Amino acid sequence: MNDNNLDSGFGNNFDSDLDGDFLTAIAQFNGGEYYSCHDTLEEIWHNAWQSDRAFYQGILQIAVGLYHLHNHNWNGAVILLGEGTSRLPMYLPEYMTINVEMLLDDSLHLLKTLQQGGKERLPQSLTDIANGDLRLPKIFIIN
């Protein structure tokens, strides 16, 4: 199994069956453009099949949680990470060629770290992220 996280563009390894707007949202998410990712996913969510809506909404909410985190909003980060991660277990281990298991594990680890540290430890958590000691979730495509 080969994972592609689209960090440096799509290259030749992305799944051509994925919607172009969803590929854009993945690139925005992995590039830290969380607000743009939210906008892109919201448009996809509005037009999605009912069975796919919770999947898109979960990723959207994780993106918004990360947006709040980067804006030093501990409450918003914890609430949205919690809501987003609660929507994804039904899509485990992968869905639409997305490694949901890795996205969920990384998001839950971040959420747990933030919850255990509380608001007062948010600056240290952000430093840990900047130093690479705490990993931000990424979306990986399974080829």
C-alpha atoms as a PDB file:
ATOM      1  CA  MET A   1       0.000   0.000   0.000  1.00  0.00           C
ATOM      2  CA  ASN A   2       1.341   3.400  -0.981  1.00  0.00           C
ATOM      3  CA  ASP A   3       0.131   6.617   0.661  1.00  0.00           C
ATOM      4  CA  ASN A   4       0.218  10.009  -1.018  1.00  0.00           C
ATOM      5  CA  ASN A   5      -0.492  13.033   1.135  1.00  0.00           C
ATOM      6  CA  LEU A   6      -0.400  15.658  -1.625  1.00  0.00           C
ATOM      7  CA  ASP A   7       2.033  17.798   0.378  1.00  0.00           C
ATOM      8  CA  SER A   8       3.959  18.814  -2.704  1.00  0.00           C
ATOM      9  CA  GLY A   9       1.196  18.721  -5.279  1.00  0.00           C
ATOM     10  CA  PHE A  10      -0.576  15.902  -6.978  1.00  0.00           C
ATOM     11  CA  GLY A  11       2.268  14.450  -9.043  1.00  0.00           C
ATOM     12  CA  ASN A  12       1.239  11.324 -10.911  1.00  0.00           C
ATOM     13  CA  ASN A  13       0.058   9.350  -7.898  1.00  0.00           C
ATOM     14  CA  PHE A  14      -3.337  10.803  -7.037  1.00  0.00           C
ATOM     15  CA  ASP A  15      -6.520   8.824  -7.526  1.00  0.00           C
ATOM     16  CA  SER A  16      -8.149  10.164 -10.674  1.00  0.00           C
ATOM     17  CA  ASP A  17     -11.518   8.871  -9.424  1.00  0.00           C
ATOM     18  CA  LEU A  18     -11.572  11.514  -6.688  1.00  0.00           C
ATOM     19  CA  ASP A  19     -13.466  14.698  -7.465  1.00  0.00           C
ATOM     20  CA  GLY A  20     -11.223  17.622  -8.440  1.00  0.00           C
ATOM     21  CA  ASP A  21     -12.736  19.842  -5.756  1.00  0.00           C
ATOM     22  CA  PHE A  22     -12.063  17.181  -3.141  1.00  0.00           C
ATOM     23  CA  LEU A  23      -8.449  16.937  -4.304  1.00  0.00           C
ATOM     24  CA  THR A  24      -8.250  20.711  -3.913  1.00  0.00           C
ATOM     25  CA  ALA A  25      -9.648  20.440  -0.383  1.00  0.00           C
ATOM     26  CA  ILE A  26      -7.098  17.752   0.487  1.00  0.00           C
ATOM     27  CA  ALA A  27      -4.240  19.922  -0.791  1.00  0.00           C
ATOM     28  CA  GLN A  28      -5.601  22.888   1.183  1.00  0.00           C
ATOM     29  CA  PHE A  29      -5.911  20.781   4.346  1.00  0.00           C
ATOM     30  CA  ASN A  30      -2.401  19.336   4.018  1.00  0.00           C
ATOM     31  CA  GLY A  31      -1.014  22.776   3.203  1.00  0.00           C
ATOM     32  CA  GLY A  32      -2.466  24.365   6.335  1.00  0.00           C
ATOM     33  CA  GLU A  33      -5.030  26.421   4.396  1.00  0.00           C
ATOM     34  CA  TYR A  34      -7.773  25.371   6.769  1.00  0.00           C
ATOM     35  CA  TYR A  35     -10.235  28.187   6.125  1.00  0.00           C
ATOM     36  CA  SER A  36     -10.042  27.665   2.351  1.00  0.00           C
ATOM     37  CA  CYS A  37     -10.417  23.923   2.927  1.00  0.00           C
ATOM     38  CA  HIS A  38     -13.554  24.621   4.947  1.00  0.00           C
ATOM     39  CA  ASP A  39     -15.041  26.648   2.101  1.00  0.00           C
ATOM     40  CA  THR A  40     -14.209  23.986  -0.491  1.00  0.00           C
ATOM     41  CA  LEU A  41     -15.550  21.130   1.629  1.00  0.00           C
ATOM     42  CA  GLU A  42     -18.696  23.044   2.498  1.00  0.00           C
ATOM     43  CA  GLU A  43     -19.541  23.346  -1.197  1.00  0.00           C
ATOM     44  CA  ILE A  44     -18.849  19.625  -1.707  1.00  0.00           C
ATOM     45  CA  TRP A  45     -20.916  18.757   1.378  1.00  0.00           C
ATOM     46  CA  HIS A  46     -23.964  20.664   0.104  1.00  0.00           C
ATOM     47  CA  ASN A  47     -23.985  18.603  -3.103  1.00  0.00           C
ATOM     48  CA  ALA A  48     -22.910  15.240  -1.649  1.00  0.00           C
ATOM     49  CA  TRP A  49     -24.920  12.041  -1.396  1.00  0.00           C
ATOM     50  CA  GLN A  50     -26.418  11.611   2.059  1.00  0.00           C
ATOM     51  CA  SER A  51     -24.135   8.624   2.732  1.00  0.00           C
ATOM     52  CA  ASP A  52     -21.040  10.796   2.127  1.00  0.00           C
ATOM     53  CA  ARG A  53     -22.102  13.907   4.019  1.00  0.00           C
ATOM     54  CA  ALA A  54     -20.826  12.890   7.470  1.00  0.00           C
ATOM     55  CA  PHE A  55     -17.465  11.991   5.903  1.00  0.00           C
ATOM     56  CA  TYR A  56     -17.052  15.436   4.366  1.00  0.00           C
ATOM     57  CA  GLN A  57     -18.437  17.153   7.450  1.00  0.00           C
ATOM     58  CA  GLY A  58     -16.006  15.307   9.707  1.00  0.00           C
ATOM     59  CA  ILE A  59     -13.018  16.430   7.654  1.00  0.00           C
ATOM     60  CA  LEU A  60     -14.461  19.946   7.417  1.00  0.00           C
ATOM     61  CA  GLN A  61     -14.833  20.158  11.196  1.00  0.00           C
ATOM     62  CA  ILE A  62     -11.301  18.895  11.775  1.00  0.00           C
ATOM     63  CA  ALA A  63     -10.070  21.592   9.358  1.00  0.00           C
ATOM     64  CA  VAL A  64     -11.987  24.264  11.289  1.00  0.00           C
ATOM     65  CA  GLY A  65     -10.602  22.891  14.545  1.00  0.00           C
ATOM     66  CA  LEU A  66      -7.076  23.253  13.154  1.00  0.00           C
ATOM     67  CA  TYR A  67      -7.912  26.776  11.984  1.00  0.00           C
ATOM     68  CA  HIS A  68      -8.986  27.635  15.540  1.00  0.00           C
ATOM     69  CA  LEU A  69      -5.841  26.014  16.920  1.00  0.00           C
ATOM     70  CA  HIS A  70      -3.619  28.183  14.717  1.00  0.00           C
ATOM     71  CA  ASN A  71      -5.553  31.237  15.918  1.00  0.00           C
ATOM     72  CA  HIS A  72      -4.909  30.290  19.567  1.00  0.00           C
ATOM     73  CA  ASN A  73      -8.590  29.492  20.157  1.00  0.00           C
ATOM     74  CA  TRP A  74      -8.371  26.456  22.437  1.00  0.00           C
ATOM     75  CA  ASN A  75     -12.148  26.150  22.932  1.00  0.00           C
ATOM     76  CA  GLY A  76     -12.906  26.234  19.217  1.00  0.00           C
ATOM     77  CA  ALA A  77     -10.107  23.781  18.452  1.00  0.00           C
ATOM     78  CA  VAL A  78     -11.214  21.236  21.043  1.00  0.00           C
ATOM     79  CA  ILE A  79     -14.912  21.467  20.194  1.00  0.00           C
ATOM     80  CA  LEU A  80     -14.457  21.178  16.408  1.00  0.00           C
ATOM     81  CA  LEU A  81     -11.792  18.460  16.609  1.00  0.00           C
ATOM     82  CA  GLY A  82     -14.159  16.536  18.874  1.00  0.00           C
ATOM     83  CA  GLU A  83     -17.135  16.965  16.565  1.00  0.00           C
ATOM     84  CA  GLY A  84     -15.126  16.120  13.456  1.00  0.00           C
ATOM     85  CA  THR A  85     -13.561  12.992  14.903  1.00  0.00           C
ATOM     86  CA  SER A  86     -16.954  11.755  16.090  1.00  0.00           C
ATOM     87  CA  ARG A  87     -18.206  11.625  12.474  1.00  0.00           C
ATOM     88  CA  LEU A  88     -15.398   9.558  10.949  1.00  0.00           C
ATOM     89  CA  PRO A  89     -15.407   6.132  12.693  1.00  0.00           C
ATOM     90  CA  MET A  90     -18.180   4.837  10.429  1.00  0.00           C
ATOM     91  CA  TYR A  91     -15.812   5.313   7.473  1.00  0.00           C
ATOM     92  CA  LEU A  92     -12.891   3.308   8.906  1.00  0.00           C
ATOM     93  CA  PRO A  93     -10.385   2.145   7.861  1.00  0.00           C
ATOM     94  CA  GLU A  94     -10.560   3.872   4.469  1.00  0.00           C
ATOM     95  CA  TYR A  95     -13.197   5.606   2.436  1.00  0.00           C
ATOM     96  CA  MET A  96     -13.010   7.057  -1.060  1.00  0.00           C
ATOM     97  CA  THR A  97      -9.346   5.988  -1.089  1.00  0.00           C
ATOM     98  CA  ILE A  98      -8.671   8.191   1.972  1.00  0.00           C
ATOM     99  CA  ASN A  99      -6.784   6.675   4.895  1.00  0.00           C
ATOM    100  CA  VAL A 100      -9.443   7.572   7.446  1.00  0.00           C
ATOM    101  CA  GLU A 101      -7.732   5.541  10.151  1.00  0.00           C
ATOM    102  CA  MET A 102      -4.583   7.676  10.050  1.00  0.00           C
ATOM    103  CA  LEU A 103      -6.539  10.949   9.867  1.00  0.00           C
ATOM    104  CA  LEU A 104      -8.684   9.898  12.803  1.00  0.00           C
ATOM    105  CA  ASP A 105      -5.761   8.598  14.904  1.00  0.00           C
ATOM    106  CA  ASP A 106      -3.721  11.774  14.388  1.00  0.00           C
ATOM    107  CA  SER A 107      -6.731  14.020  15.045  1.00  0.00           C
ATOM    108  CA  LEU A 108      -7.643  12.142  18.225  1.00  0.00           C
ATOM    109  CA  HIS A 109      -4.050  12.267  19.464  1.00  0.00           C
ATOM    110  CA  LEU A 110      -3.992  16.032  18.950  1.00  0.00           C
ATOM    111  CA  LEU A 111      -7.399  16.421  20.616  1.00  0.00           C
ATOM    112  CA  LYS A 112      -6.309  14.342  23.616  1.00  0.00           C
ATOM    113  CA  THR A 113      -3.097  16.361  23.965  1.00  0.00           C
ATOM    114  CA  LEU A 114      -5.033  19.639  23.880  1.00  0.00           C
ATOM    115  CA  GLN A 115      -7.647  18.396  26.355  1.00  0.00           C
ATOM    116  CA  GLN A 116      -5.076  17.069  28.808  1.00  0.00           C
ATOM    117  CA  GLY A 117      -3.013  20.250  28.638  1.00  0.00           C
ATOM    118  CA  GLY A 118      -5.923  22.646  28.906  1.00  0.00           C
ATOM    119  CA  LYS A 119      -5.979  26.253  27.747  1.00  0.00           C
ATOM    120  CA  GLU A 120      -2.942  27.181  29.783  1.00  0.00           C
ATOM    121  CA  ARG A 121      -0.760  24.699  27.899  1.00  0.00           C
ATOM    122  CA  LEU A 122      -1.856  25.840  24.424  1.00  0.00           C
ATOM    123  CA  PRO A 123       1.305  27.927  23.806  1.00  0.00           C
ATOM    124  CA  GLN A 124       3.455  24.856  24.568  1.00  0.00           C
ATOM    125  CA  SER A 125       1.330  22.702  22.271  1.00  0.00           C
ATOM    126  CA  LEU A 126       1.806  25.223  19.457  1.00  0.00           C
ATOM    127  CA  THR A 127       5.564  25.216  20.125  1.00  0.00           C
ATOM    128  CA  ASP A 128       5.540  21.410  20.030  1.00  0.00           C
ATOM    129  CA  ILE A 129       3.779  21.544  16.657  1.00  0.00           C
ATOM    130  CA  ALA A 130       6.283  24.072  15.308  1.00  0.00           C
ATOM    131  CA  ASN A 131       9.184  21.906  16.528  1.00  0.00           C
ATOM    132  CA  GLY A 132       7.692  18.734  15.048  1.00  0.00           C
ATOM    133  CA  ASP A 133       7.125  17.164  18.467  1.00  0.00           C
ATOM    134  CA  LEU A 134       3.339  17.154  17.988  1.00  0.00           C
ATOM    135  CA  ARG A 135       2.059  16.153  14.568  1.00  0.00           C
ATOM    136  CA  LEU A 136      -0.835  17.841  12.843  1.00  0.00           C
ATOM    137  CA  PRO A 137      -3.277  15.549  11.042  1.00  0.00           C
ATOM    138  CA  LYS A 138      -2.872  15.124   7.274  1.00  0.00           C
ATOM    139  CA  ILE A 139      -5.078  13.479   4.707  1.00  0.00           C
ATOM    140  CA  PHE A 140      -3.449  10.537   2.935  1.00  0.00           C
ATOM    141  CA  ILE A 141      -4.692   8.963  -0.259  1.00  0.00           C
ATOM    142  CA  ILE A 142      -4.284   5.211  -0.502  1.00  0.00           C
ATOM    143  CA  ASN A 143      -3.110   4.126  -3.940  1.00  0.00           C
END
